[in-house]
Amino acid sequence: MQNEEMTVLEEFTNEEIKNLIYTIRGKQVMLDSDVARLYHYETKNINKAMKRTIERFPEDFCFQLKEDEVANLRFQIGTSSLEKI
């Protein structure tokens, strides 16, 4: 008999979603991994889909975090010193 993995679809409250939104460079943003969790996809698939249809998005729709921004989020995830809404 094959091992079957059970997929658990998370439900998010409005408050939990608000906690996934950060203000970085003056813009309200979500990490790609959090968007993937919200839509029940793998992060790599969210990124592939976005890249395949890049013309549908505004030029400033996404950006790569700088090293210090990544370090800040890693160091204080959940209580980041980056401003949350």
N, C-alpha and C. Protein backbone atom coordinates (compact mmCIF):
# COMPACT_ATOMS: atom_id res chain seq x y z
N MET A 1 0.83 -1.18 0.00
CA MET A 1 0.00 0.00 0.00
C MET A 1 0.88 1.25 0.00
N GLN A 2 0.55 2.22 -0.85
CA GLN A 2 1.33 3.45 -0.96
C GLN A 2 1.05 4.37 0.21
N ASN A 3 2.09 5.10 0.63
CA ASN A 3 1.89 6.14 1.63
C ASN A 3 1.28 7.36 0.96
N GLU A 4 0.19 7.83 1.50
CA GLU A 4 -0.45 9.02 0.95
C GLU A 4 -0.28 10.16 1.93
N GLU A 5 0.19 11.29 1.42
CA GLU A 5 0.33 12.46 2.26
C GLU A 5 -0.99 13.19 2.30
N MET A 6 -1.38 13.58 3.48
CA MET A 6 -2.61 14.32 3.62
C MET A 6 -2.31 15.81 3.59
N THR A 7 -2.96 16.54 2.72
CA THR A 7 -2.77 17.97 2.63
C THR A 7 -3.74 18.66 3.57
N VAL A 8 -3.20 19.46 4.46
CA VAL A 8 -4.03 20.21 5.38
C VAL A 8 -4.18 21.61 4.83
N LEU A 9 -5.40 22.00 4.51
CA LEU A 9 -5.66 23.34 4.02
C LEU A 9 -5.87 24.26 5.20
N GLU A 10 -4.94 25.18 5.38
CA GLU A 10 -5.03 26.11 6.49
C GLU A 10 -6.10 27.15 6.21
N GLU A 11 -6.79 27.51 7.25
CA GLU A 11 -7.73 28.62 7.17
C GLU A 11 -7.10 29.77 7.93
N PHE A 12 -7.18 30.95 7.38
CA PHE A 12 -6.56 32.12 8.00
C PHE A 12 -7.62 33.12 8.42
N THR A 13 -7.44 33.68 9.60
CA THR A 13 -8.32 34.75 10.05
C THR A 13 -7.80 36.06 9.45
N ASN A 14 -8.64 37.08 9.48
CA ASN A 14 -8.21 38.39 9.00
C ASN A 14 -6.98 38.87 9.76
N GLU A 15 -6.95 38.63 11.06
CA GLU A 15 -5.83 39.07 11.89
C GLU A 15 -4.55 38.35 11.48
N GLU A 16 -4.64 37.05 11.21
CA GLU A 16 -3.46 36.29 10.79
C GLU A 16 -2.94 36.81 9.45
N ILE A 17 -3.84 37.14 8.55
CA ILE A 17 -3.43 37.68 7.25
C ILE A 17 -2.77 39.05 7.44
N LYS A 18 -3.36 39.89 8.29
CA LYS A 18 -2.76 41.20 8.56
C LYS A 18 -1.33 41.05 9.09
N ASN A 19 -1.08 40.02 9.88
CA ASN A 19 0.24 39.79 10.44
C ASN A 19 1.26 39.33 9.40
N LEU A 20 0.80 38.98 8.21
CA LEU A 20 1.69 38.56 7.13
C LEU A 20 2.07 39.73 6.23
N ILE A 21 1.52 40.90 6.50
CA ILE A 21 1.77 42.08 5.67
C ILE A 21 2.79 42.97 6.36
N TYR A 22 3.83 43.31 5.63
CA TYR A 22 4.90 44.16 6.13
C TYR A 22 4.98 45.42 5.29
N THR A 23 5.51 46.47 5.87
CA THR A 23 5.82 47.67 5.09
C THR A 23 7.33 47.69 4.90
N ILE A 24 7.73 47.54 3.64
CA ILE A 24 9.13 47.55 3.27
C ILE A 24 9.29 48.55 2.13
N ARG A 25 10.25 49.42 2.28
CA ARG A 25 10.50 50.47 1.28
C ARG A 25 9.24 51.30 1.02
N GLY A 26 8.44 51.48 2.06
CA GLY A 26 7.24 52.29 1.95
C GLY A 26 6.07 51.62 1.26
N LYS A 27 6.18 50.34 0.99
CA LYS A 27 5.10 49.59 0.33
C LYS A 27 4.63 48.46 1.23
N GLN A 28 3.34 48.20 1.19
CA GLN A 28 2.80 47.07 1.93
C GLN A 28 3.02 45.82 1.09
N VAL A 29 3.69 44.83 1.67
CA VAL A 29 4.07 43.64 0.92
C VAL A 29 3.82 42.37 1.72
N MET A 30 3.76 41.27 0.98
CA MET A 30 3.71 39.94 1.58
C MET A 30 4.84 39.13 0.96
N LEU A 31 5.40 38.25 1.74
CA LEU A 31 6.43 37.36 1.22
C LEU A 31 5.81 36.32 0.30
N ASP A 32 6.55 35.91 -0.71
CA ASP A 32 6.03 34.92 -1.65
C ASP A 32 5.63 33.63 -0.96
N SER A 33 6.36 33.26 0.07
CA SER A 33 6.04 32.02 0.79
C SER A 33 4.70 32.14 1.52
N ASP A 34 4.38 33.33 2.01
CA ASP A 34 3.09 33.52 2.69
C ASP A 34 1.94 33.55 1.69
N VAL A 35 2.16 34.15 0.52
CA VAL A 35 1.14 34.13 -0.53
C VAL A 35 0.87 32.68 -0.93
N ALA A 36 1.93 31.90 -1.08
CA ALA A 36 1.78 30.49 -1.45
C ALA A 36 0.96 29.74 -0.40
N ARG A 37 1.25 29.97 0.88
CA ARG A 37 0.48 29.32 1.95
C ARG A 37 -0.99 29.71 1.88
N LEU A 38 -1.27 30.98 1.63
CA LEU A 38 -2.65 31.45 1.56
C LEU A 38 -3.43 30.75 0.45
N TYR A 39 -2.76 30.54 -0.68
CA TYR A 39 -3.42 29.94 -1.84
C TYR A 39 -3.17 28.44 -1.98
N HIS A 40 -2.51 27.86 -0.99
CA HIS A 40 -2.27 26.41 -0.95
C HIS A 40 -1.46 25.90 -2.13
N TYR A 41 -0.40 26.66 -2.46
CA TYR A 41 0.53 26.27 -3.51
C TYR A 41 1.94 26.27 -2.93
N GLU A 42 2.85 25.70 -3.68
CA GLU A 42 4.26 25.78 -3.30
C GLU A 42 4.79 27.13 -3.77
N THR A 43 5.72 27.67 -3.02
CA THR A 43 6.29 28.98 -3.35
C THR A 43 6.83 29.00 -4.77
N LYS A 44 7.55 27.94 -5.15
CA LYS A 44 8.14 27.92 -6.50
C LYS A 44 7.07 28.00 -7.58
N ASN A 45 5.89 27.43 -7.34
CA ASN A 45 4.82 27.48 -8.34
C ASN A 45 4.20 28.87 -8.43
N ILE A 46 4.09 29.55 -7.29
CA ILE A 46 3.59 30.93 -7.30
C ILE A 46 4.55 31.80 -8.10
N ASN A 47 5.85 31.66 -7.86
CA ASN A 47 6.85 32.46 -8.57
C ASN A 47 6.88 32.14 -10.06
N LYS A 48 6.76 30.88 -10.42
CA LYS A 48 6.73 30.49 -11.84
C LYS A 48 5.53 31.11 -12.53
N ALA A 49 4.37 31.02 -11.90
CA ALA A 49 3.14 31.57 -12.49
C ALA A 49 3.26 33.07 -12.70
N MET A 50 3.83 33.75 -11.71
CA MET A 50 4.00 35.20 -11.83
C MET A 50 4.95 35.53 -12.97
N LYS A 51 6.06 34.81 -13.06
CA LYS A 51 7.03 35.08 -14.12
C LYS A 51 6.47 34.78 -15.51
N ARG A 52 5.62 33.75 -15.62
CA ARG A 52 5.01 33.41 -16.91
C ARG A 52 4.05 34.49 -17.40
N THR A 53 3.46 35.23 -16.46
CA THR A 53 2.46 36.23 -16.83
C THR A 53 2.87 37.62 -16.33
N ILE A 54 4.16 37.90 -16.35
CA ILE A 54 4.70 39.13 -15.80
C ILE A 54 4.04 40.38 -16.41
N GLU A 55 3.62 40.30 -17.66
CA GLU A 55 3.01 41.46 -18.31
C GLU A 55 1.68 41.86 -17.69
N ARG A 56 1.08 41.00 -16.90
CA ARG A 56 -0.19 41.31 -16.25
C ARG A 56 -0.02 42.13 -14.97
N PHE A 57 1.21 42.25 -14.50
CA PHE A 57 1.47 42.90 -13.22
C PHE A 57 2.12 44.25 -13.41
N PRO A 58 1.83 45.19 -12.50
CA PRO A 58 2.53 46.48 -12.56
C PRO A 58 4.04 46.26 -12.40
N GLU A 59 4.82 47.19 -12.93
CA GLU A 59 6.27 47.06 -12.90
C GLU A 59 6.82 46.87 -11.49
N ASP A 60 6.20 47.52 -10.51
CA ASP A 60 6.69 47.43 -9.13
C ASP A 60 5.92 46.41 -8.29
N PHE A 61 5.31 45.43 -8.95
CA PHE A 61 4.51 44.43 -8.25
C PHE A 61 5.34 43.59 -7.28
N CYS A 62 6.54 43.23 -7.69
CA CYS A 62 7.39 42.42 -6.81
C CYS A 62 8.82 42.92 -6.89
N PHE A 63 9.58 42.60 -5.85
CA PHE A 63 10.98 42.96 -5.83
C PHE A 63 11.71 42.01 -4.92
N GLN A 64 13.01 41.95 -5.10
CA GLN A 64 13.88 41.09 -4.30
C GLN A 64 14.29 41.85 -3.04
N LEU A 65 14.18 41.21 -1.90
CA LEU A 65 14.63 41.84 -0.66
C LEU A 65 16.14 41.97 -0.64
N LYS A 66 16.62 43.05 -0.03
CA LYS A 66 18.05 43.22 0.17
C LYS A 66 18.48 42.36 1.36
N GLU A 67 19.79 42.10 1.45
CA GLU A 67 20.31 41.24 2.52
C GLU A 67 19.89 41.70 3.90
N ASP A 68 19.97 43.00 4.16
CA ASP A 68 19.61 43.49 5.49
C ASP A 68 18.12 43.33 5.77
N GLU A 69 17.29 43.43 4.73
CA GLU A 69 15.85 43.22 4.90
C GLU A 69 15.55 41.76 5.23
N VAL A 70 16.23 40.86 4.54
CA VAL A 70 16.06 39.43 4.80
C VAL A 70 16.52 39.10 6.22
N ALA A 71 17.68 39.63 6.59
CA ALA A 71 18.21 39.38 7.93
C ALA A 71 17.25 39.88 9.00
N ASN A 72 16.68 41.04 8.79
CA ASN A 72 15.74 41.61 9.74
C ASN A 72 14.54 40.68 9.92
N LEU A 73 13.99 40.20 8.81
CA LEU A 73 12.83 39.31 8.90
C LEU A 73 13.19 37.98 9.55
N ARG A 74 14.34 37.43 9.21
CA ARG A 74 14.76 36.15 9.81
C ARG A 74 14.99 36.30 11.30
N PHE A 75 15.65 37.38 11.68
CA PHE A 75 16.03 37.59 13.07
C PHE A 75 14.80 37.79 13.96
N GLN A 76 13.83 38.51 13.46
CA GLN A 76 12.70 38.87 14.30
C GLN A 76 11.37 38.46 13.69
N ILE A 77 11.32 37.31 13.06
CA ILE A 77 10.07 36.89 12.41
C ILE A 77 8.93 36.92 13.42
N GLY A 78 7.86 37.53 13.02
CA GLY A 78 6.71 37.68 13.91
C GLY A 78 6.76 38.94 14.73
N THR A 79 7.95 39.42 15.03
CA THR A 79 8.08 40.68 15.77
C THR A 79 9.10 41.56 15.04
N SER A 80 9.09 41.50 13.73
CA SER A 80 10.06 42.24 12.94
C SER A 80 10.02 43.72 13.27
N SER A 81 11.17 44.35 13.21
CA SER A 81 11.22 45.80 13.42
C SER A 81 10.74 46.55 12.18
N LEU A 82 10.53 45.80 11.08
CA LEU A 82 9.90 46.43 9.94
C LEU A 82 8.47 46.73 10.32
N GLU A 83 7.95 47.83 9.86
CA GLU A 83 6.61 48.26 10.25
C GLU A 83 5.56 47.31 9.68
N LYS A 84 4.66 46.88 10.53
CA LYS A 84 3.50 46.07 10.10
C LYS A 84 2.30 46.97 10.08
N ILE A 85 1.33 46.62 9.23
CA ILE A 85 0.10 47.43 9.22
C ILE A 85 -0.82 46.98 10.32
